[in-house]
Amino acid sequence: MKKLSVSLSLALAVGLCVAPAAQALNKCGGDPVYDPGADDQCHFVIAVSMPGADATVYGRFYGKAPMVREPSYLKDTADDGLDAYLWVRADAGGESWVKQVAVASGFGATVDASAVFGDADALYARVCVGAGTENCSPWRL
């Protein structure tokens, strides 16, 4: 019986030492909408809009690498002859990478959006109406 108690105590002690290390490896890091109370801190949602364009960016961090994935979309919401653009920016270590992720053309047109980034500390999204970046919403986290 004493041997069983020692074995059980040893197994419990090892479990307590290993569990925190395992949790640390599973943290996503860099999640733009980090919520310590959430069941899954790896996923994020960024909604952004302005007159003429509307988008929602759904994504997941794999380690520190964010991925924009379905059901992310961009919608052209104005009958103005201008295309709607979705841009995503990843920041890491004081540097930024910007990608045009989707273009929707024509009133009511909706397109899927996806993108993969390397390691990032934060991810932002914005929509623009018309070519270039002159008529855009602010970056949203």
N, C-alpha and C. Protein backbone atom coordinates (compact mmCIF):
# COMPACT_ATOMS: atom_id res chain seq x y z
N MET A 1 0.82 -1.19 0.00
CA MET A 1 0.00 0.00 0.00
C MET A 1 0.87 1.26 0.00
N LYS A 2 1.97 1.20 0.77
CA LYS A 2 2.87 2.34 0.83
C LYS A 2 3.48 2.62 -0.54
N LYS A 3 3.80 1.55 -1.28
CA LYS A 3 4.38 1.67 -2.61
C LYS A 3 3.39 2.37 -3.56
N LEU A 4 2.10 2.05 -3.45
CA LEU A 4 1.07 2.66 -4.27
C LEU A 4 0.94 4.14 -3.95
N SER A 5 0.99 4.52 -2.67
CA SER A 5 0.90 5.92 -2.26
C SER A 5 2.08 6.73 -2.80
N VAL A 6 3.28 6.17 -2.73
CA VAL A 6 4.46 6.86 -3.24
C VAL A 6 4.34 7.03 -4.75
N SER A 7 3.91 6.00 -5.46
CA SER A 7 3.76 6.06 -6.92
C SER A 7 2.71 7.10 -7.31
N LEU A 8 1.61 7.11 -6.59
CA LEU A 8 0.54 8.07 -6.86
C LEU A 8 1.01 9.49 -6.60
N SER A 9 1.73 9.71 -5.51
CA SER A 9 2.26 11.04 -5.18
C SER A 9 3.25 11.51 -6.24
N LEU A 10 4.10 10.60 -6.68
CA LEU A 10 5.08 10.93 -7.71
C LEU A 10 4.38 11.29 -9.03
N ALA A 11 3.38 10.53 -9.41
CA ALA A 11 2.64 10.79 -10.65
C ALA A 11 1.94 12.15 -10.57
N LEU A 12 1.36 12.49 -9.42
CA LEU A 12 0.70 13.76 -9.23
C LEU A 12 1.69 14.91 -9.33
N ALA A 13 2.84 14.76 -8.71
CA ALA A 13 3.86 15.81 -8.76
C ALA A 13 4.36 16.04 -10.18
N VAL A 14 4.60 14.97 -10.92
CA VAL A 14 5.04 15.08 -12.31
C VAL A 14 3.96 15.76 -13.14
N GLY A 15 2.72 15.39 -12.93
CA GLY A 15 1.60 16.00 -13.66
C GLY A 15 1.51 17.49 -13.41
N LEU A 16 1.71 17.92 -12.18
CA LEU A 16 1.65 19.34 -11.87
C LEU A 16 2.80 20.11 -12.51
N CYS A 17 3.94 19.49 -12.63
CA CYS A 17 5.09 20.16 -13.25
C CYS A 17 4.95 20.22 -14.76
N VAL A 18 4.37 19.21 -15.37
CA VAL A 18 4.28 19.16 -16.82
C VAL A 18 3.10 19.98 -17.34
N ALA A 19 1.99 20.03 -16.64
CA ALA A 19 0.79 20.72 -17.13
C ALA A 19 1.03 22.19 -17.45
N PRO A 20 1.67 23.00 -16.60
CA PRO A 20 1.88 24.40 -16.97
C PRO A 20 2.74 24.55 -18.21
N ALA A 21 3.73 23.71 -18.38
CA ALA A 21 4.57 23.79 -19.57
C ALA A 21 3.76 23.48 -20.82
N ALA A 22 2.88 22.51 -20.76
CA ALA A 22 2.06 22.16 -21.91
C ALA A 22 1.11 23.31 -22.25
N GLN A 23 0.53 23.95 -21.25
CA GLN A 23 -0.36 25.08 -21.50
C GLN A 23 0.40 26.22 -22.17
N ALA A 24 1.61 26.48 -21.75
CA ALA A 24 2.40 27.57 -22.32
C ALA A 24 2.64 27.32 -23.81
N LEU A 25 2.82 26.09 -24.22
CA LEU A 25 3.05 25.78 -25.62
C LEU A 25 1.79 25.96 -26.46
N ASN A 26 0.62 25.88 -25.86
CA ASN A 26 -0.63 25.98 -26.59
C ASN A 26 -1.16 27.40 -26.72
N LYS A 27 -0.55 28.36 -26.04
CA LYS A 27 -1.03 29.74 -26.14
C LYS A 27 -0.75 30.27 -27.53
N CYS A 28 -1.65 31.06 -28.06
CA CYS A 28 -1.54 31.54 -29.43
C CYS A 28 -0.63 32.75 -29.54
N GLY A 29 -0.74 33.67 -28.62
CA GLY A 29 0.08 34.88 -28.67
C GLY A 29 -0.32 35.78 -29.82
N GLY A 30 -0.34 37.07 -29.61
CA GLY A 30 -0.60 38.03 -30.68
C GLY A 30 -2.04 38.15 -31.10
N ASP A 31 -2.96 37.46 -30.47
CA ASP A 31 -4.36 37.51 -30.87
C ASP A 31 -4.88 38.94 -30.76
N PRO A 32 -5.42 39.52 -31.85
CA PRO A 32 -5.83 40.92 -31.80
C PRO A 32 -7.03 41.20 -30.91
N VAL A 33 -7.79 40.18 -30.55
CA VAL A 33 -8.90 40.38 -29.63
C VAL A 33 -8.76 39.42 -28.47
N TYR A 34 -7.60 39.40 -27.87
CA TYR A 34 -7.29 38.48 -26.79
C TYR A 34 -8.32 38.61 -25.68
N ASP A 35 -8.89 37.51 -25.28
CA ASP A 35 -9.88 37.47 -24.21
C ASP A 35 -9.53 36.33 -23.27
N PRO A 36 -8.95 36.67 -22.09
CA PRO A 36 -8.51 35.61 -21.19
C PRO A 36 -9.64 34.70 -20.73
N GLY A 37 -10.87 35.14 -20.81
CA GLY A 37 -12.00 34.32 -20.38
C GLY A 37 -12.56 33.46 -21.50
N ALA A 38 -12.05 33.61 -22.71
CA ALA A 38 -12.59 32.86 -23.85
C ALA A 38 -12.18 31.40 -23.79
N ASP A 39 -13.03 30.55 -24.35
CA ASP A 39 -12.71 29.13 -24.44
C ASP A 39 -11.56 28.88 -25.40
N ASP A 40 -11.47 29.69 -26.45
CA ASP A 40 -10.44 29.49 -27.48
C ASP A 40 -9.81 30.83 -27.81
N GLN A 41 -8.64 31.10 -27.24
CA GLN A 41 -7.98 32.38 -27.43
C GLN A 41 -7.26 32.47 -28.77
N CYS A 42 -7.28 31.44 -29.56
CA CYS A 42 -6.56 31.43 -30.84
C CYS A 42 -7.35 32.09 -31.96
N HIS A 43 -8.66 32.20 -31.84
CA HIS A 43 -9.51 32.73 -32.90
C HIS A 43 -9.79 34.21 -32.70
N PHE A 44 -10.00 34.94 -33.82
CA PHE A 44 -10.33 36.35 -33.74
C PHE A 44 -11.31 36.73 -34.83
N VAL A 45 -11.99 37.87 -34.62
CA VAL A 45 -12.92 38.43 -35.59
C VAL A 45 -12.70 39.93 -35.62
N ILE A 46 -12.53 40.50 -36.82
CA ILE A 46 -12.38 41.94 -36.99
C ILE A 46 -13.45 42.40 -37.98
N ALA A 47 -14.36 43.24 -37.53
CA ALA A 47 -15.40 43.79 -38.40
C ALA A 47 -15.00 45.22 -38.75
N VAL A 48 -15.10 45.55 -40.02
CA VAL A 48 -14.71 46.90 -40.47
C VAL A 48 -15.65 47.32 -41.60
N SER A 49 -16.03 48.61 -41.60
CA SER A 49 -16.91 49.09 -42.66
C SER A 49 -16.75 50.60 -42.83
N MET A 50 -17.23 51.05 -43.94
CA MET A 50 -17.31 52.48 -44.26
C MET A 50 -18.34 52.59 -45.38
N PRO A 51 -18.82 53.78 -45.70
CA PRO A 51 -19.76 53.89 -46.81
C PRO A 51 -19.15 53.32 -48.10
N GLY A 52 -19.78 52.31 -48.65
CA GLY A 52 -19.33 51.69 -49.88
C GLY A 52 -18.66 50.34 -49.72
N ALA A 53 -18.28 49.98 -48.48
CA ALA A 53 -17.59 48.70 -48.28
C ALA A 53 -17.83 48.18 -46.87
N ASP A 54 -17.93 46.86 -46.78
CA ASP A 54 -18.16 46.20 -45.50
C ASP A 54 -17.39 44.88 -45.52
N ALA A 55 -16.71 44.57 -44.41
CA ALA A 55 -15.96 43.32 -44.36
C ALA A 55 -15.93 42.78 -42.94
N THR A 56 -15.82 41.48 -42.85
CA THR A 56 -15.56 40.82 -41.58
C THR A 56 -14.43 39.83 -41.81
N VAL A 57 -13.40 39.95 -40.98
CA VAL A 57 -12.22 39.09 -41.09
C VAL A 57 -12.25 38.09 -39.94
N TYR A 58 -12.32 36.83 -40.28
CA TYR A 58 -12.26 35.75 -39.30
C TYR A 58 -10.87 35.12 -39.44
N GLY A 59 -10.29 34.77 -38.31
CA GLY A 59 -8.97 34.18 -38.41
C GLY A 59 -8.59 33.37 -37.20
N ARG A 60 -7.38 32.84 -37.31
CA ARG A 60 -6.85 32.01 -36.24
C ARG A 60 -5.36 32.18 -36.20
N PHE A 61 -4.83 32.24 -35.01
CA PHE A 61 -3.38 32.24 -34.82
C PHE A 61 -2.91 30.80 -34.67
N TYR A 62 -1.91 30.44 -35.43
CA TYR A 62 -1.22 29.16 -35.30
C TYR A 62 0.14 29.51 -34.72
N GLY A 63 0.29 29.36 -33.41
CA GLY A 63 1.47 29.89 -32.74
C GLY A 63 1.36 31.39 -32.79
N LYS A 64 2.28 32.06 -33.45
CA LYS A 64 2.20 33.51 -33.64
C LYS A 64 1.89 33.88 -35.08
N ALA A 65 1.57 32.90 -35.91
CA ALA A 65 1.29 33.16 -37.32
C ALA A 65 -0.22 33.25 -37.55
N PRO A 66 -0.73 34.44 -37.91
CA PRO A 66 -2.17 34.57 -38.14
C PRO A 66 -2.56 34.14 -39.55
N MET A 67 -3.77 33.61 -39.64
CA MET A 67 -4.32 33.19 -40.92
C MET A 67 -5.74 33.72 -41.02
N VAL A 68 -6.04 34.43 -42.11
CA VAL A 68 -7.39 34.91 -42.40
C VAL A 68 -8.07 33.80 -43.20
N ARG A 69 -9.27 33.39 -42.76
CA ARG A 69 -9.90 32.24 -43.41
C ARG A 69 -11.41 32.40 -43.46
N GLU A 70 -12.08 31.45 -44.12
CA GLU A 70 -13.54 31.47 -44.20
C GLU A 70 -14.14 31.48 -42.81
N PRO A 71 -15.22 32.18 -42.63
CA PRO A 71 -16.07 32.84 -43.61
C PRO A 71 -15.75 34.33 -43.81
N SER A 72 -14.47 34.72 -43.82
CA SER A 72 -14.10 36.11 -44.08
C SER A 72 -14.66 36.56 -45.42
N TYR A 73 -15.12 37.82 -45.47
CA TYR A 73 -15.71 38.32 -46.71
C TYR A 73 -15.52 39.83 -46.84
N LEU A 74 -15.69 40.30 -48.06
CA LEU A 74 -15.73 41.72 -48.40
C LEU A 74 -16.96 41.94 -49.25
N LYS A 75 -17.69 43.03 -48.97
CA LYS A 75 -18.89 43.33 -49.75
C LYS A 75 -18.84 44.77 -50.25
N ASP A 76 -19.14 44.96 -51.54
CA ASP A 76 -19.28 46.29 -52.14
C ASP A 76 -20.71 46.73 -51.84
N THR A 77 -20.87 47.79 -51.06
CA THR A 77 -22.21 48.19 -50.61
C THR A 77 -22.73 49.47 -51.26
N ALA A 78 -22.05 49.97 -52.28
CA ALA A 78 -22.50 51.20 -52.93
C ALA A 78 -22.56 51.03 -54.44
N ASP A 79 -23.54 51.66 -55.04
CA ASP A 79 -23.69 51.65 -56.50
C ASP A 79 -23.02 52.91 -57.04
N ASP A 80 -21.68 52.95 -56.88
CA ASP A 80 -20.92 54.16 -57.22
C ASP A 80 -19.88 53.92 -58.31
N GLY A 81 -19.83 52.72 -58.85
CA GLY A 81 -18.86 52.41 -59.90
C GLY A 81 -17.45 52.17 -59.38
N LEU A 82 -17.25 52.23 -58.07
CA LEU A 82 -15.93 52.00 -57.47
C LEU A 82 -15.88 50.63 -56.83
N ASP A 83 -14.75 49.96 -56.96
CA ASP A 83 -14.56 48.66 -56.32
C ASP A 83 -14.28 48.84 -54.83
N ALA A 84 -14.56 47.79 -54.06
CA ALA A 84 -14.25 47.77 -52.63
C ALA A 84 -13.03 46.87 -52.44
N TYR A 85 -12.14 47.27 -51.54
CA TYR A 85 -10.89 46.54 -51.29
C TYR A 85 -10.77 46.23 -49.80
N LEU A 86 -10.26 45.06 -49.50
CA LEU A 86 -9.97 44.68 -48.11
C LEU A 86 -8.46 44.54 -47.96
N TRP A 87 -7.91 45.27 -46.99
CA TRP A 87 -6.48 45.23 -46.69
C TRP A 87 -6.29 44.69 -45.29
N VAL A 88 -5.26 43.90 -45.10
CA VAL A 88 -4.92 43.37 -43.78
C VAL A 88 -3.45 43.70 -43.51
N ARG A 89 -3.17 44.13 -42.29
CA ARG A 89 -1.81 44.49 -41.88
C ARG A 89 -1.40 43.66 -40.68
N ALA A 90 -0.21 43.08 -40.74
CA ALA A 90 0.35 42.34 -39.62
C ALA A 90 1.55 43.12 -39.10
N ASP A 91 1.62 43.31 -37.78
CA ASP A 91 2.74 44.01 -37.15
C ASP A 91 3.53 43.03 -36.31
N ALA A 92 4.86 43.13 -36.41
CA ALA A 92 5.74 42.28 -35.60
C ALA A 92 7.07 42.98 -35.41
N GLY A 93 7.47 43.14 -34.16
CA GLY A 93 8.78 43.69 -33.86
C GLY A 93 9.04 45.04 -34.48
N GLY A 94 8.03 45.91 -34.55
CA GLY A 94 8.21 47.24 -35.10
C GLY A 94 8.11 47.31 -36.62
N GLU A 95 7.89 46.19 -37.29
CA GLU A 95 7.71 46.17 -38.74
C GLU A 95 6.27 45.81 -39.08
N SER A 96 5.82 46.22 -40.27
CA SER A 96 4.46 45.93 -40.73
C SER A 96 4.49 45.33 -42.12
N TRP A 97 3.55 44.40 -42.37
CA TRP A 97 3.35 43.82 -43.68
C TRP A 97 1.89 44.05 -44.04
N VAL A 98 1.65 44.61 -45.22
CA VAL A 98 0.29 44.92 -45.65
C VAL A 98 -0.02 44.10 -46.90
N LYS A 99 -1.21 43.48 -46.90
CA LYS A 99 -1.66 42.69 -48.05
C LYS A 99 -3.06 43.14 -48.46
N GLN A 100 -3.26 43.26 -49.77
CA GLN A 100 -4.61 43.42 -50.29
C GLN A 100 -5.18 42.02 -50.36
N VAL A 101 -6.24 41.77 -49.62
CA VAL A 101 -6.75 40.42 -49.45
C VAL A 101 -7.90 40.10 -50.39
N ALA A 102 -8.72 41.12 -50.73
CA ALA A 102 -9.88 40.85 -51.59
C ALA A 102 -10.33 42.13 -52.30
N VAL A 103 -11.00 41.93 -53.44
CA VAL A 103 -11.60 43.03 -54.20
C VAL A 103 -13.02 42.60 -54.58
N ALA A 104 -14.00 43.46 -54.28
CA ALA A 104 -15.39 43.21 -54.66
C ALA A 104 -15.81 44.31 -55.62
N SER A 105 -16.38 43.91 -56.74
CA SER A 105 -16.73 44.86 -57.79
C SER A 105 -18.21 44.78 -58.13
N GLY A 106 -18.91 45.90 -57.95
CA GLY A 106 -20.33 45.97 -58.29
C GLY A 106 -21.20 45.96 -57.05
N PHE A 107 -22.23 46.79 -57.09
CA PHE A 107 -23.14 46.91 -55.95
C PHE A 107 -23.66 45.55 -55.48
N GLY A 108 -23.46 45.23 -54.22
CA GLY A 108 -23.93 43.98 -53.64
C GLY A 108 -22.98 42.81 -53.82
N ALA A 109 -21.92 42.98 -54.58
CA ALA A 109 -20.97 41.87 -54.79
C ALA A 109 -20.27 41.53 -53.48
N THR A 110 -20.19 40.24 -53.20
CA THR A 110 -19.53 39.75 -52.00
C THR A 110 -18.50 38.70 -52.41
N VAL A 111 -17.29 38.81 -51.87
CA VAL A 111 -16.23 37.85 -52.18
C VAL A 111 -15.63 37.32 -50.89
N ASP A 112 -15.12 36.09 -50.97
CA ASP A 112 -14.42 35.48 -49.84
C ASP A 112 -13.02 36.09 -49.73
N ALA A 113 -12.46 36.04 -48.54
CA ALA A 113 -11.12 36.57 -48.32
C ALA A 113 -10.30 35.56 -47.53
N SER A 114 -9.01 35.46 -47.89
CA SER A 114 -8.10 34.61 -47.13
C SER A 114 -6.68 35.12 -47.31
N ALA A 115 -5.85 34.87 -46.31
CA ALA A 115 -4.44 35.28 -46.35
C ALA A 115 -3.69 34.58 -45.24
N VAL A 116 -2.40 34.42 -45.43
CA VAL A 116 -1.54 33.82 -44.41
C VAL A 116 -0.38 34.77 -44.18
N PHE A 117 -0.02 34.96 -42.93
CA PHE A 117 1.10 35.83 -42.56
C PHE A 117 2.12 35.03 -41.77
N GLY A 118 3.34 35.54 -41.71
CA GLY A 118 4.34 34.97 -40.82
C GLY A 118 4.05 35.43 -39.40
N ASP A 119 4.99 35.28 -38.51
CA ASP A 119 4.79 35.68 -37.12
C ASP A 119 4.34 37.13 -37.02
N ALA A 120 3.40 37.39 -36.11
CA ALA A 120 2.88 38.74 -35.92
C ALA A 120 2.49 38.94 -34.47
N ASP A 121 2.62 40.18 -34.03
CA ASP A 121 2.19 40.56 -32.68
C ASP A 121 0.75 41.04 -32.69
N ALA A 122 0.30 41.58 -33.82
CA ALA A 122 -1.06 42.11 -33.94
C ALA A 122 -1.49 42.07 -35.39
N LEU A 123 -2.80 41.99 -35.61
CA LEU A 123 -3.36 41.96 -36.95
C LEU A 123 -4.45 43.02 -37.04
N TYR A 124 -4.46 43.79 -38.14
CA TYR A 124 -5.41 44.86 -38.35
C TYR A 124 -6.07 44.68 -39.71
N ALA A 125 -7.26 45.28 -39.88
CA ALA A 125 -7.95 45.23 -41.17
C ALA A 125 -8.57 46.58 -41.46
N ARG A 126 -8.72 46.88 -42.76
CA ARG A 126 -9.44 48.08 -43.19
C ARG A 126 -10.01 47.84 -44.57
N VAL A 127 -11.03 48.62 -44.92
CA VAL A 127 -11.61 48.56 -46.25
C VAL A 127 -11.38 49.90 -46.93
N CYS A 128 -11.27 49.84 -48.25
CA CYS A 128 -11.08 51.05 -49.06
C CYS A 128 -12.09 51.01 -50.20
N VAL A 129 -12.49 52.20 -50.65
CA VAL A 129 -13.38 52.32 -51.80
C VAL A 129 -12.60 53.02 -52.90
N GLY A 130 -12.50 52.38 -54.05
CA GLY A 130 -11.71 52.91 -55.15
C GLY A 130 -10.27 52.41 -55.06
N ALA A 131 -9.58 52.49 -56.19
CA ALA A 131 -8.20 52.01 -56.25
C ALA A 131 -7.30 52.85 -55.34
N GLY A 132 -6.26 52.21 -54.84
CA GLY A 132 -5.32 52.91 -53.96
C GLY A 132 -5.80 52.91 -52.52
N THR A 133 -5.16 53.74 -51.72
CA THR A 133 -5.48 53.78 -50.29
C THR A 133 -5.84 55.20 -49.85
N GLU A 134 -6.42 55.97 -50.75
CA GLU A 134 -6.81 57.35 -50.43
C GLU A 134 -8.14 57.43 -49.69
N ASN A 135 -9.06 56.52 -49.98
CA ASN A 135 -10.40 56.56 -49.39
C ASN A 135 -10.64 55.27 -48.60
N CYS A 136 -10.12 55.25 -47.38
CA CYS A 136 -10.15 54.02 -46.57
C CYS A 136 -10.69 54.27 -45.17
N SER A 137 -11.16 53.22 -44.57
CA SER A 137 -11.54 53.27 -43.16
C SER A 137 -10.27 53.26 -42.32
N PRO A 138 -10.36 53.60 -41.05
CA PRO A 138 -9.18 53.45 -40.18
C PRO A 138 -8.85 51.97 -40.01
N TRP A 139 -7.60 51.68 -39.67
CA TRP A 139 -7.22 50.30 -39.34
C TRP A 139 -7.96 49.87 -38.09
N ARG A 140 -8.54 48.67 -38.12
CA ARG A 140 -9.26 48.13 -36.96
C ARG A 140 -8.52 46.92 -36.43
N LEU A 141 -8.46 46.84 -35.12
CA LEU A 141 -7.82 45.71 -34.45
C LEU A 141 -8.87 44.70 -34.08
